[in-house]
Amino acid sequence: MTKRSEFLDAARARRVAVPGFVIQALERPGHEPTIRVGFTCSKKVGNAVARNRAKRRLRAVARHNLPQFGQPGFDYVLIGRAGVTAARPFVDLAQDMRKALTKLHDGAST
């Protein structure tokens, strides 16, 4: 996802907060068989170096987990958290991702 309008659409969708990040998921009309993903970190996360590190970690977690646990036809936005996303162990971020996707697709949203 690259357009601001796509991120704004996802912001009105279901969301789940887990310790490492917040994830938003929007089912696209038309049921395209692809999974699209976007990443964002506000200035609360830190300076540019900290924000880029947090986004790199979120990209890695998404790359490993979305093909297995994500659903085709969905847009996902991962939002980094200040002081947590960049410092949390990768194994814990991966568990957070699986837990969040399970909550989103089982209908339990927060």
PDB file of N, CA and C in Angstrom:
ATOM      1  N   MET A   1       0.848  -1.171   0.000  1.00  0.00           N
ATOM      2  CA  MET A   1       0.000   0.000   0.000  1.00  0.00           C
ATOM      3  C   MET A   1       0.897   1.239   0.000  1.00  0.00           C
ATOM      4  N   THR A   2       0.534   2.191  -0.832  1.00  0.00           N
ATOM      5  CA  THR A   2       1.358   3.387  -0.918  1.00  0.00           C
ATOM      6  C   THR A   2       0.556   4.684  -0.838  1.00  0.00           C
ATOM      7  N   LYS A   3      -0.713   4.641  -1.149  1.00  0.00           N
ATOM      8  CA  LYS A   3      -1.511   5.871  -1.199  1.00  0.00           C
ATOM      9  C   LYS A   3      -2.118   6.191   0.159  1.00  0.00           C
ATOM     10  N   ARG A   4      -2.157   7.473   0.468  1.00  0.00           N
ATOM     11  CA  ARG A   4      -2.710   7.921   1.745  1.00  0.00           C
ATOM     12  C   ARG A   4      -4.164   7.485   1.901  1.00  0.00           C
ATOM     13  N   SER A   5      -4.927   7.523   0.824  1.00  0.00           N
ATOM     14  CA  SER A   5      -6.342   7.140   0.889  1.00  0.00           C
ATOM     15  C   SER A   5      -6.504   5.677   1.302  1.00  0.00           C
ATOM     16  N   GLU A   6      -5.574   4.815   0.887  1.00  0.00           N
ATOM     17  CA  GLU A   6      -5.643   3.406   1.280  1.00  0.00           C
ATOM     18  C   GLU A   6      -5.395   3.257   2.780  1.00  0.00           C
ATOM     19  N   PHE A   7      -4.459   4.043   3.311  1.00  0.00           N
ATOM     20  CA  PHE A   7      -4.191   4.007   4.745  1.00  0.00           C
ATOM     21  C   PHE A   7      -5.390   4.550   5.529  1.00  0.00           C
ATOM     22  N   LEU A   8      -6.026   5.593   5.015  1.00  0.00           N
ATOM     23  CA  LEU A   8      -7.197   6.161   5.696  1.00  0.00           C
ATOM     24  C   LEU A   8      -8.368   5.191   5.684  1.00  0.00           C
ATOM     25  N   ASP A   9      -8.557   4.469   4.583  1.00  0.00           N
ATOM     26  CA  ASP A   9      -9.611   3.443   4.539  1.00  0.00           C
ATOM     27  C   ASP A   9      -9.354   2.366   5.586  1.00  0.00           C
ATOM     28  N   ALA A  10      -8.119   1.929   5.705  1.00  0.00           N
ATOM     29  CA  ALA A  10      -7.771   0.894   6.679  1.00  0.00           C
ATOM     30  C   ALA A  10      -7.938   1.402   8.108  1.00  0.00           C
ATOM     31  N   ALA A  11      -7.769   2.710   8.319  1.00  0.00           N
ATOM     32  CA  ALA A  11      -7.911   3.271   9.664  1.00  0.00           C
ATOM     33  C   ALA A  11      -9.346   3.163  10.176  1.00  0.00           C
ATOM     34  N   ARG A  12     -10.299   3.044   9.272  1.00  0.00           N
ATOM     35  CA  ARG A  12     -11.708   2.903   9.681  1.00  0.00           C
ATOM     36  C   ARG A  12     -12.120   1.433   9.820  1.00  0.00           C
ATOM     37  N   ALA A  13     -11.187   0.542   9.646  1.00  0.00           N
ATOM     38  CA  ALA A  13     -11.485  -0.890   9.667  1.00  0.00           C
ATOM     39  C   ALA A  13     -11.210  -1.480  11.047  1.00  0.00           C
ATOM     40  N   ARG A  14     -11.283  -2.805  11.101  1.00  0.00           N
ATOM     41  CA  ARG A  14     -11.006  -3.518  12.359  1.00  0.00           C
ATOM     42  C   ARG A  14      -9.563  -3.329  12.763  1.00  0.00           C
ATOM     43  N   ARG A  15      -9.323  -3.292  14.067  1.00  0.00           N
ATOM     44  CA  ARG A  15      -7.957  -3.136  14.574  1.00  0.00           C
ATOM     45  C   ARG A  15      -7.777  -3.970  15.823  1.00  0.00           C
ATOM     46  N   VAL A  16      -6.561  -4.405  16.026  1.00  0.00           N
ATOM     47  CA  VAL A  16      -6.190  -5.152  17.223  1.00  0.00           C
ATOM     48  C   VAL A  16      -4.862  -4.593  17.714  1.00  0.00           C
ATOM     49  N   ALA A  17      -4.797  -4.305  19.000  1.00  0.00           N
ATOM     50  CA  ALA A  17      -3.557  -3.835  19.610  1.00  0.00           C
ATOM     51  C   ALA A  17      -2.913  -4.995  20.355  1.00  0.00           C
ATOM     52  N   VAL A  18      -1.661  -5.234  20.071  1.00  0.00           N
ATOM     53  CA  VAL A  18      -0.861  -6.238  20.765  1.00  0.00           C
ATOM     54  C   VAL A  18       0.351  -5.510  21.344  1.00  0.00           C
ATOM     55  N   PRO A  19       1.095  -6.125  22.231  1.00  0.00           N
ATOM     56  CA  PRO A  19       2.200  -5.400  22.878  1.00  0.00           C
ATOM     57  C   PRO A  19       3.213  -4.773  21.913  1.00  0.00           C
ATOM     58  N   GLY A  20       3.507  -5.410  20.796  1.00  0.00           N
ATOM     59  CA  GLY A  20       4.543  -4.917  19.906  1.00  0.00           C
ATOM     60  C   GLY A  20       4.096  -3.880  18.893  1.00  0.00           C
ATOM     61  N   PHE A  21       2.805  -3.869  18.534  1.00  0.00           N
ATOM     62  CA  PHE A  21       2.320  -2.969  17.499  1.00  0.00           C
ATOM     63  C   PHE A  21       0.794  -3.001  17.474  1.00  0.00           C
ATOM     64  N   VAL A  22       0.228  -2.187  16.603  1.00  0.00           N
ATOM     65  CA  VAL A  22      -1.213  -2.200  16.344  1.00  0.00           C
ATOM     66  C   VAL A  22      -1.385  -2.622  14.890  1.00  0.00           C
ATOM     67  N   ILE A  23      -2.372  -3.474  14.627  1.00  0.00           N
ATOM     68  CA  ILE A  23      -2.631  -3.902  13.251  1.00  0.00           C
ATOM     69  C   ILE A  23      -4.069  -3.548  12.894  1.00  0.00           C
ATOM     70  N   GLN A  24      -4.247  -3.045  11.679  1.00  0.00           N
ATOM     71  CA  GLN A  24      -5.570  -2.740  11.149  1.00  0.00           C
ATOM     72  C   GLN A  24      -5.777  -3.617   9.923  1.00  0.00           C
ATOM     73  N   ALA A  25      -7.001  -4.093   9.733  1.00  0.00           N
ATOM     74  CA  ALA A  25      -7.280  -4.962   8.594  1.00  0.00           C
ATOM     75  C   ALA A  25      -8.586  -4.543   7.939  1.00  0.00           C
ATOM     76  N   LEU A  26      -8.541  -4.414   6.618  1.00  0.00           N
ATOM     77  CA  LEU A  26      -9.713  -4.032   5.840  1.00  0.00           C
ATOM     78  C   LEU A  26      -9.871  -5.015   4.697  1.00  0.00           C
ATOM     79  N   GLU A  27     -11.053  -5.594   4.587  1.00  0.00           N
ATOM     80  CA  GLU A  27     -11.324  -6.480   3.459  1.00  0.00           C
ATOM     81  C   GLU A  27     -11.684  -5.628   2.258  1.00  0.00           C
ATOM     82  N   ARG A  28     -10.976  -5.835   1.165  1.00  0.00           N
ATOM     83  CA  ARG A  28     -11.203  -5.058  -0.048  1.00  0.00           C
ATOM     84  C   ARG A  28     -12.398  -5.608  -0.802  1.00  0.00           C
ATOM     85  N   PRO A  29     -13.215  -4.732  -1.365  1.00  0.00           N
ATOM     86  CA  PRO A  29     -14.298  -5.218  -2.232  1.00  0.00           C
ATOM     87  C   PRO A  29     -13.708  -5.783  -3.517  1.00  0.00           C
ATOM     88  N   GLY A  30     -14.369  -6.740  -4.085  1.00  0.00           N
ATOM     89  CA  GLY A  30     -13.878  -7.350  -5.314  1.00  0.00           C
ATOM     90  C   GLY A  30     -13.099  -8.623  -5.068  1.00  0.00           C
ATOM     91  N   HIS A  31     -12.693  -8.848  -3.836  1.00  0.00           N
ATOM     92  CA  HIS A  31     -12.024 -10.083  -3.430  1.00  0.00           C
ATOM     93  C   HIS A  31     -10.828 -10.425  -4.305  1.00  0.00           C
ATOM     94  N   GLU A  32      -9.930  -9.459  -4.486  1.00  0.00           N
ATOM     95  CA  GLU A  32      -8.676  -9.752  -5.168  1.00  0.00           C
ATOM     96  C   GLU A  32      -7.904 -10.775  -4.342  1.00  0.00           C
ATOM     97  N   PRO A  33      -7.230 -11.700  -4.987  1.00  0.00           N
ATOM     98  CA  PRO A  33      -6.563 -12.763  -4.231  1.00  0.00           C
ATOM     99  C   PRO A  33      -5.198 -12.371  -3.660  1.00  0.00           C
ATOM    100  N   THR A  34      -4.931 -11.095  -3.503  1.00  0.00           N
ATOM    101  CA  THR A  34      -3.636 -10.669  -2.977  1.00  0.00           C
ATOM    102  C   THR A  34      -3.783 -10.118  -1.569  1.00  0.00           C
ATOM    103  N   ILE A  35      -2.681 -10.131  -0.854  1.00  0.00           N
ATOM    104  CA  ILE A  35      -2.596  -9.508   0.470  1.00  0.00           C
ATOM    105  C   ILE A  35      -1.734  -8.264   0.300  1.00  0.00           C
ATOM    106  N   ARG A  36      -2.289  -7.113   0.694  1.00  0.00           N
ATOM    107  CA  ARG A  36      -1.495  -5.884   0.639  1.00  0.00           C
ATOM    108  C   ARG A  36      -1.206  -5.447   2.068  1.00  0.00           C
ATOM    109  N   VAL A  37      -0.047  -4.826   2.239  1.00  0.00           N
ATOM    110  CA  VAL A  37       0.360  -4.431   3.584  1.00  0.00           C
ATOM    111  C   VAL A  37       1.052  -3.069   3.533  1.00  0.00           C
ATOM    112  N   GLY A  38       0.835  -2.288   4.592  1.00  0.00           N
ATOM    113  CA  GLY A  38       1.483  -0.995   4.738  1.00  0.00           C
ATOM    114  C   GLY A  38       2.033  -0.862   6.150  1.00  0.00           C
ATOM    115  N   PHE A  39       3.002   0.015   6.309  1.00  0.00           N
ATOM    116  CA  PHE A  39       3.664   0.187   7.603  1.00  0.00           C
ATOM    117  C   PHE A  39       3.733   1.664   7.923  1.00  0.00           C
ATOM    118  N   THR A  40       3.551   1.999   9.191  1.00  0.00           N
ATOM    119  CA  THR A  40       3.663   3.386   9.597  1.00  0.00           C
ATOM    120  C   THR A  40       4.165   3.475  11.033  1.00  0.00           C
ATOM    121  N   CYS A  41       4.935   4.500  11.275  1.00  0.00           N
ATOM    122  CA  CYS A  41       5.438   4.813  12.613  1.00  0.00           C
ATOM    123  C   CYS A  41       5.406   6.330  12.761  1.00  0.00           C
ATOM    124  N   SER A  42       4.767   6.807  13.795  1.00  0.00           N
ATOM    125  CA  SER A  42       4.699   8.250  14.003  1.00  0.00           C
ATOM    126  C   SER A  42       5.990   8.743  14.646  1.00  0.00           C
ATOM    127  N   LYS A  43       6.101  10.040  14.786  1.00  0.00           N
ATOM    128  CA  LYS A  43       7.293  10.612  15.421  1.00  0.00           C
ATOM    129  C   LYS A  43       7.376  10.264  16.898  1.00  0.00           C
ATOM    130  N   LYS A  44       6.295   9.764  17.475  1.00  0.00           N
ATOM    131  CA  LYS A  44       6.336   9.309  18.864  1.00  0.00           C
ATOM    132  C   LYS A  44       7.287   8.130  19.033  1.00  0.00           C
ATOM    133  N   VAL A  45       7.483   7.364  17.956  1.00  0.00           N
ATOM    134  CA  VAL A  45       8.370   6.202  18.004  1.00  0.00           C
ATOM    135  C   VAL A  45       9.818   6.658  18.191  1.00  0.00           C
ATOM    136  N   GLY A  46      10.152   7.824  17.684  1.00  0.00           N
ATOM    137  CA  GLY A  46      11.510   8.344  17.849  1.00  0.00           C
ATOM    138  C   GLY A  46      11.962   9.089  16.618  1.00  0.00           C
ATOM    139  N   ASN A  47      13.272   9.257  16.509  1.00  0.00           N
ATOM    140  CA  ASN A  47      13.820   9.963  15.355  1.00  0.00           C
ATOM    141  C   ASN A  47      13.749   9.060  14.119  1.00  0.00           C
ATOM    142  N   ALA A  48      14.250   9.558  12.994  1.00  0.00           N
ATOM    143  CA  ALA A  48      14.143   8.817  11.737  1.00  0.00           C
ATOM    144  C   ALA A  48      14.809   7.442  11.818  1.00  0.00           C
ATOM    145  N   VAL A  49      15.921   7.352  12.509  1.00  0.00           N
ATOM    146  CA  VAL A  49      16.618   6.077  12.636  1.00  0.00           C
ATOM    147  C   VAL A  49      15.743   5.069  13.386  1.00  0.00           C
ATOM    148  N   ALA A  50      15.130   5.498  14.486  1.00  0.00           N
ATOM    149  CA  ALA A  50      14.277   4.609  15.278  1.00  0.00           C
ATOM    150  C   ALA A  50      13.026   4.199  14.493  1.00  0.00           C
ATOM    151  N   ARG A  51      12.434   5.144  13.770  1.00  0.00           N
ATOM    152  CA  ARG A  51      11.235   4.826  12.979  1.00  0.00           C
ATOM    153  C   ARG A  51      11.572   3.840  11.871  1.00  0.00           C
ATOM    154  N   ASN A  52      12.696   4.035  11.194  1.00  0.00           N
ATOM    155  CA  ASN A  52      13.075   3.116  10.123  1.00  0.00           C
ATOM    156  C   ASN A  52      13.396   1.729  10.663  1.00  0.00           C
ATOM    157  N   ARG A  53      14.036   1.662  11.818  1.00  0.00           N
ATOM    158  CA  ARG A  53      14.332   0.357  12.412  1.00  0.00           C
ATOM    159  C   ARG A  53      13.040  -0.367  12.779  1.00  0.00           C
ATOM    160  N   ALA A  54      12.089   0.353  13.369  1.00  0.00           N
ATOM    161  CA  ALA A  54      10.805  -0.252  13.737  1.00  0.00           C
ATOM    162  C   ALA A  54      10.078  -0.749  12.485  1.00  0.00           C
ATOM    163  N   LYS A  55      10.076   0.037  11.414  1.00  0.00           N
ATOM    164  CA  LYS A  55       9.401  -0.387  10.182  1.00  0.00           C
ATOM    165  C   LYS A  55      10.097  -1.589   9.546  1.00  0.00           C
ATOM    166  N   ARG A  56      11.435  -1.632   9.595  1.00  0.00           N
ATOM    167  CA  ARG A  56      12.155  -2.803   9.071  1.00  0.00           C
ATOM    168  C   ARG A  56      11.758  -4.066   9.817  1.00  0.00           C
ATOM    169  N   ARG A  57      11.642  -3.959  11.136  1.00  0.00           N
ATOM    170  CA  ARG A  57      11.254  -5.128  11.940  1.00  0.00           C
ATOM    171  C   ARG A  57       9.819  -5.548  11.630  1.00  0.00           C
ATOM    172  N   LEU A  58       8.915  -4.571  11.451  1.00  0.00           N
ATOM    173  CA  LEU A  58       7.534  -4.895  11.099  1.00  0.00           C
ATOM    174  C   LEU A  58       7.465  -5.555   9.726  1.00  0.00           C
ATOM    175  N   ARG A  59       8.273  -5.080   8.778  1.00  0.00           N
ATOM    176  CA  ARG A  59       8.304  -5.708   7.450  1.00  0.00           C
ATOM    177  C   ARG A  59       8.762  -7.157   7.537  1.00  0.00           C
ATOM    178  N   ALA A  60       9.765  -7.413   8.350  1.00  0.00           N
ATOM    179  CA  ALA A  60      10.276  -8.776   8.492  1.00  0.00           C
ATOM    180  C   ALA A  60       9.224  -9.689   9.126  1.00  0.00           C
ATOM    181  N   VAL A  61       8.546  -9.197  10.143  1.00  0.00           N
ATOM    182  CA  VAL A  61       7.498  -9.997  10.792  1.00  0.00           C
ATOM    183  C   VAL A  61       6.368 -10.278   9.807  1.00  0.00           C
ATOM    184  N   ALA A  62       5.975  -9.271   9.043  1.00  0.00           N
ATOM    185  CA  ALA A  62       4.906  -9.457   8.059  1.00  0.00           C
ATOM    186  C   ALA A  62       5.313 -10.447   6.980  1.00  0.00           C
ATOM    187  N   ARG A  63       6.553 -10.337   6.517  1.00  0.00           N
ATOM    188  CA  ARG A  63       7.041 -11.234   5.467  1.00  0.00           C
ATOM    189  C   ARG A  63       6.987 -12.694   5.915  1.00  0.00           C
ATOM    190  N   HIS A  64       7.245 -12.944   7.194  1.00  0.00           N
ATOM    191  CA  HIS A  64       7.265 -14.319   7.699  1.00  0.00           C
ATOM    192  C   HIS A  64       5.880 -14.844   8.066  1.00  0.00           C
ATOM    193  N   ASN A  65       4.949 -13.964   8.440  1.00  0.00           N
ATOM    194  CA  ASN A  65       3.679 -14.436   8.983  1.00  0.00           C
ATOM    195  C   ASN A  65       2.460 -14.222   8.100  1.00  0.00           C
ATOM    196  N   LEU A  66       2.427 -13.163   7.308  1.00  0.00           N
ATOM    197  CA  LEU A  66       1.227 -12.895   6.517  1.00  0.00           C
ATOM    198  C   LEU A  66       0.909 -13.970   5.483  1.00  0.00           C
ATOM    199  N   PRO A  67       1.894 -14.559   4.796  1.00  0.00           N
ATOM    200  CA  PRO A  67       1.532 -15.614   3.839  1.00  0.00           C
ATOM    201  C   PRO A  67       0.814 -16.801   4.494  1.00  0.00           C
ATOM    202  N   GLN A  68       1.152 -17.105   5.739  1.00  0.00           N
ATOM    203  CA  GLN A  68       0.533 -18.250   6.419  1.00  0.00           C
ATOM    204  C   GLN A  68      -0.758 -17.874   7.132  1.00  0.00           C
ATOM    205  N   PHE A  69      -0.769 -16.726   7.815  1.00  0.00           N
ATOM    206  CA  PHE A  69      -1.875 -16.394   8.702  1.00  0.00           C
ATOM    207  C   PHE A  69      -2.779 -15.281   8.180  1.00  0.00           C
ATOM    208  N   GLY A  70      -2.344 -14.548   7.172  1.00  0.00           N
ATOM    209  CA  GLY A  70      -3.177 -13.508   6.587  1.00  0.00           C
ATOM    210  C   GLY A  70      -4.184 -14.117   5.627  1.00  0.00           C
ATOM    211  N   GLN A  71      -5.188 -13.330   5.261  1.00  0.00           N
ATOM    212  CA  GLN A  71      -6.201 -13.823   4.330  1.00  0.00           C
ATOM    213  C   GLN A  71      -6.158 -13.020   3.039  1.00  0.00           C
ATOM    214  N   PRO A  72      -6.267 -13.694   1.907  1.00  0.00           N
ATOM    215  CA  PRO A  72      -6.276 -12.989   0.626  1.00  0.00           C
ATOM    216  C   PRO A  72      -7.430 -11.997   0.562  1.00  0.00           C
ATOM    217  N   GLY A  73      -7.214 -10.896  -0.119  1.00  0.00           N
ATOM    218  CA  GLY A  73      -8.252  -9.892  -0.265  1.00  0.00           C
ATOM    219  C   GLY A  73      -8.293  -8.879   0.859  1.00  0.00           C
ATOM    220  N   PHE A  74      -7.296  -8.889   1.729  1.00  0.00           N
ATOM    221  CA  PHE A  74      -7.254  -7.954   2.851  1.00  0.00           C
ATOM    222  C   PHE A  74      -6.096  -6.980   2.693  1.00  0.00           C
ATOM    223  N   ASP A  75      -6.316  -5.760   3.200  1.00  0.00           N
ATOM    224  CA  ASP A  75      -5.256  -4.778   3.367  1.00  0.00           C
ATOM    225  C   ASP A  75      -4.903  -4.745   4.846  1.00  0.00           C
ATOM    226  N   TYR A  76      -3.633  -4.819   5.167  1.00  0.00           N
ATOM    227  CA  TYR A  76      -3.174  -4.754   6.554  1.00  0.00           C
ATOM    228  C   TYR A  76      -2.271  -3.535   6.722  1.00  0.00           C
ATOM    229  N   VAL A  77      -2.448  -2.826   7.830  1.00  0.00           N
ATOM    230  CA  VAL A  77      -1.564  -1.724   8.182  1.00  0.00           C
ATOM    231  C   VAL A  77      -0.992  -2.037   9.555  1.00  0.00           C
ATOM    232  N   LEU A  78       0.328  -2.049   9.658  1.00  0.00           N
ATOM    233  CA  LEU A  78       1.009  -2.278  10.925  1.00  0.00           C
ATOM    234  C   LEU A  78       1.554  -0.953  11.423  1.00  0.00           C
ATOM    235  N   ILE A  79       1.235  -0.621  12.659  1.00  0.00           N
ATOM    236  CA  ILE A  79       1.612   0.652  13.254  1.00  0.00           C
ATOM    237  C   ILE A  79       2.572   0.376  14.395  1.00  0.00           C
ATOM    238  N   GLY A  80       3.762   0.942  14.305  1.00  0.00           N
ATOM    239  CA  GLY A  80       4.784   0.746  15.324  1.00  0.00           C
ATOM    240  C   GLY A  80       4.451   1.486  16.607  1.00  0.00           C
ATOM    241  N   ARG A  81       4.924   0.942  17.724  1.00  0.00           N
ATOM    242  CA  ARG A  81       4.717   1.547  19.037  1.00  0.00           C
ATOM    243  C   ARG A  81       6.033   2.087  19.582  1.00  0.00           C
ATOM    244  N   ALA A  82       5.927   3.212  20.256  1.00  0.00           N
ATOM    245  CA  ALA A  82       7.112   3.884  20.796  1.00  0.00           C
ATOM    246  C   ALA A  82       7.820   3.002  21.817  1.00  0.00           C
ATOM    247  N   GLY A  83       9.112   2.832  21.649  1.00  0.00           N
ATOM    248  CA  GLY A  83       9.934   2.125  22.616  1.00  0.00           C
ATOM    249  C   GLY A  83       9.741   0.627  22.669  1.00  0.00           C
ATOM    250  N   VAL A  84       8.803   0.089  21.913  1.00  0.00           N
ATOM    251  CA  VAL A  84       8.513  -1.339  22.009  1.00  0.00           C
ATOM    252  C   VAL A  84       8.859  -2.071  20.714  1.00  0.00           C
ATOM    253  N   THR A  85       8.392  -1.562  19.586  1.00  0.00           N
ATOM    254  CA  THR A  85       8.543  -2.277  18.318  1.00  0.00           C
ATOM    255  C   THR A  85      10.012  -2.537  17.991  1.00  0.00           C
ATOM    256  N   ALA A  86      10.857  -1.557  18.188  1.00  0.00           N
ATOM    257  CA  ALA A  86      12.271  -1.722  17.838  1.00  0.00           C
ATOM    258  C   ALA A  86      13.032  -2.555  18.855  1.00  0.00           C
ATOM    259  N   ALA A  87      12.551  -2.612  20.098  1.00  0.00           N
ATOM    260  CA  ALA A  87      13.292  -3.293  21.162  1.00  0.00           C
ATOM    261  C   ALA A  87      12.770  -4.693  21.475  1.00  0.00           C
ATOM    262  N   ARG A  88      11.539  -4.994  21.095  1.00  0.00           N
ATOM    263  CA  ARG A  88      10.937  -6.291  21.436  1.00  0.00           C
ATOM    264  C   ARG A  88      11.637  -7.408  20.658  1.00  0.00           C
ATOM    265  N   PRO A  89      11.902  -8.534  21.293  1.00  0.00           N
ATOM    266  CA  PRO A  89      12.520  -9.666  20.584  1.00  0.00           C
ATOM    267  C   PRO A  89      11.675 -10.104  19.392  1.00  0.00           C
ATOM    268  N   PHE A  90      12.352 -10.505  18.322  1.00  0.00           N
ATOM    269  CA  PHE A  90      11.663 -10.873  17.087  1.00  0.00           C
ATOM    270  C   PHE A  90      10.671 -12.008  17.300  1.00  0.00           C
ATOM    271  N   VAL A  91      11.019 -12.968  18.130  1.00  0.00           N
ATOM    272  CA  VAL A  91      10.122 -14.106  18.406  1.00  0.00           C
ATOM    273  C   VAL A  91       8.817 -13.601  19.016  1.00  0.00           C
ATOM    274  N   ASP A  92       8.917 -12.633  19.919  1.00  0.00           N
ATOM    275  CA  ASP A  92       7.712 -12.078  20.543  1.00  0.00           C
ATOM    276  C   ASP A  92       6.883 -11.284  19.540  1.00  0.00           C
ATOM    277  N   LEU A  93       7.547 -10.542  18.639  1.00  0.00           N
ATOM    278  CA  LEU A  93       6.809  -9.819  17.595  1.00  0.00           C
ATOM    279  C   LEU A  93       6.065 -10.798  16.688  1.00  0.00           C
ATOM    280  N   ALA A  94       6.701 -11.910  16.369  1.00  0.00           N
ATOM    281  CA  ALA A  94       6.053 -12.916  15.522  1.00  0.00           C
ATOM    282  C   ALA A  94       4.838 -13.519  16.225  1.00  0.00           C
ATOM    283  N   GLN A  95       4.951 -13.787  17.530  1.00  0.00           N
ATOM    284  CA  GLN A  95       3.801 -14.294  18.291  1.00  0.00           C
ATOM    285  C   GLN A  95       2.691 -13.257  18.340  1.00  0.00           C
ATOM    286  N   ASP A  96       3.071 -11.976  18.526  1.00  0.00           N
ATOM    287  CA  ASP A  96       2.082 -10.904  18.509  1.00  0.00           C
ATOM    288  C   ASP A  96       1.331 -10.871  17.186  1.00  0.00           C
ATOM    289  N   MET A  97       2.053 -11.054  16.081  1.00  0.00           N
ATOM    290  CA  MET A  97       1.435 -11.032  14.756  1.00  0.00           C
ATOM    291  C   MET A  97       0.443 -12.170  14.589  1.00  0.00           C
ATOM    292  N   ARG A  98       0.830 -13.361  14.998  1.00  0.00           N
ATOM    293  CA  ARG A  98      -0.081 -14.509  14.871  1.00  0.00           C
ATOM    294  C   ARG A  98      -1.314 -14.321  15.740  1.00  0.00           C
ATOM    295  N   LYS A  99      -1.119 -13.816  16.961  1.00  0.00           N
ATOM    296  CA  LYS A  99      -2.248 -13.591  17.862  1.00  0.00           C
ATOM    297  C   LYS A  99      -3.193 -12.530  17.294  1.00  0.00           C
ATOM    298  N   ALA A 100      -2.636 -11.448  16.760  1.00  0.00           N
ATOM    299  CA  ALA A 100      -3.455 -10.361  16.214  1.00  0.00           C
ATOM    300  C   ALA A 100      -4.245 -10.831  14.994  1.00  0.00           C
ATOM    301  N   LEU A 101      -3.601 -11.577  14.099  1.00  0.00           N
ATOM    302  CA  LEU A 101      -4.308 -12.056  12.904  1.00  0.00           C
ATOM    303  C   LEU A 101      -5.404 -13.040  13.272  1.00  0.00           C
ATOM    304  N   THR A 102      -5.154 -13.873  14.274  1.00  0.00           N
ATOM    305  CA  THR A 102      -6.189 -14.799  14.737  1.00  0.00           C
ATOM    306  C   THR A 102      -7.383 -14.036  15.283  1.00  0.00           C
ATOM    307  N   LYS A 103      -7.137 -13.001  16.089  1.00  0.00           N
ATOM    308  CA  LYS A 103      -8.232 -12.189  16.626  1.00  0.00           C
ATOM    309  C   LYS A 103      -9.008 -11.490  15.516  1.00  0.00           C
ATOM    310  N   LEU A 104      -8.297 -10.926  14.563  1.00  0.00           N
ATOM    311  CA  LEU A 104      -8.951 -10.207  13.477  1.00  0.00           C
ATOM    312  C   LEU A 104      -9.865 -11.112  12.656  1.00  0.00           C
ATOM    313  N   HIS A 105      -9.393 -12.293  12.331  1.00  0.00           N
ATOM    314  CA  HIS A 105     -10.144 -13.146  11.435  1.00  0.00           C
ATOM    315  C   HIS A 105     -11.136 -14.064  12.134  1.00  0.00           C
ATOM    316  N   ASP A 106     -11.073 -14.133  13.449  1.00  0.00           N
ATOM    317  CA  ASP A 106     -12.085 -14.871  14.198  1.00  0.00           C
ATOM    318  C   ASP A 106     -13.261 -13.982  14.572  1.00  0.00           C
ATOM    319  N   GLY A 107     -13.175 -12.705  14.178  1.00  0.00           N
ATOM    320  CA  GLY A 107     -14.278 -11.787  14.425  1.00  0.00           C
ATOM    321  C   GLY A 107     -14.144 -11.024  15.726  1.00  0.00           C
ATOM    322  N   ALA A 108     -13.173 -11.344  16.553  1.00  0.00           N
ATOM    323  CA  ALA A 108     -12.981 -10.632  17.810  1.00  0.00           C
ATOM    324  C   ALA A 108     -12.041  -9.470  17.549  1.00  0.00           C
ATOM    325  N   SER A 109     -12.565  -8.262  17.546  1.00  0.00           N
ATOM    326  CA  SER A 109     -11.706  -7.098  17.337  1.00  0.00           C
ATOM    327  C   SER A 109     -11.782  -6.176  18.517  1.00  0.00           C
ATOM    328  N   THR A 110     -10.739  -5.378  18.665  1.00  0.00           N
ATOM    329  CA  THR A 110     -10.643  -4.472  19.793  1.00  0.00           C
ATOM    330  C   THR A 110     -10.675  -3.048  19.325  1.00  0.00           C
TER     331      THR A 110
END
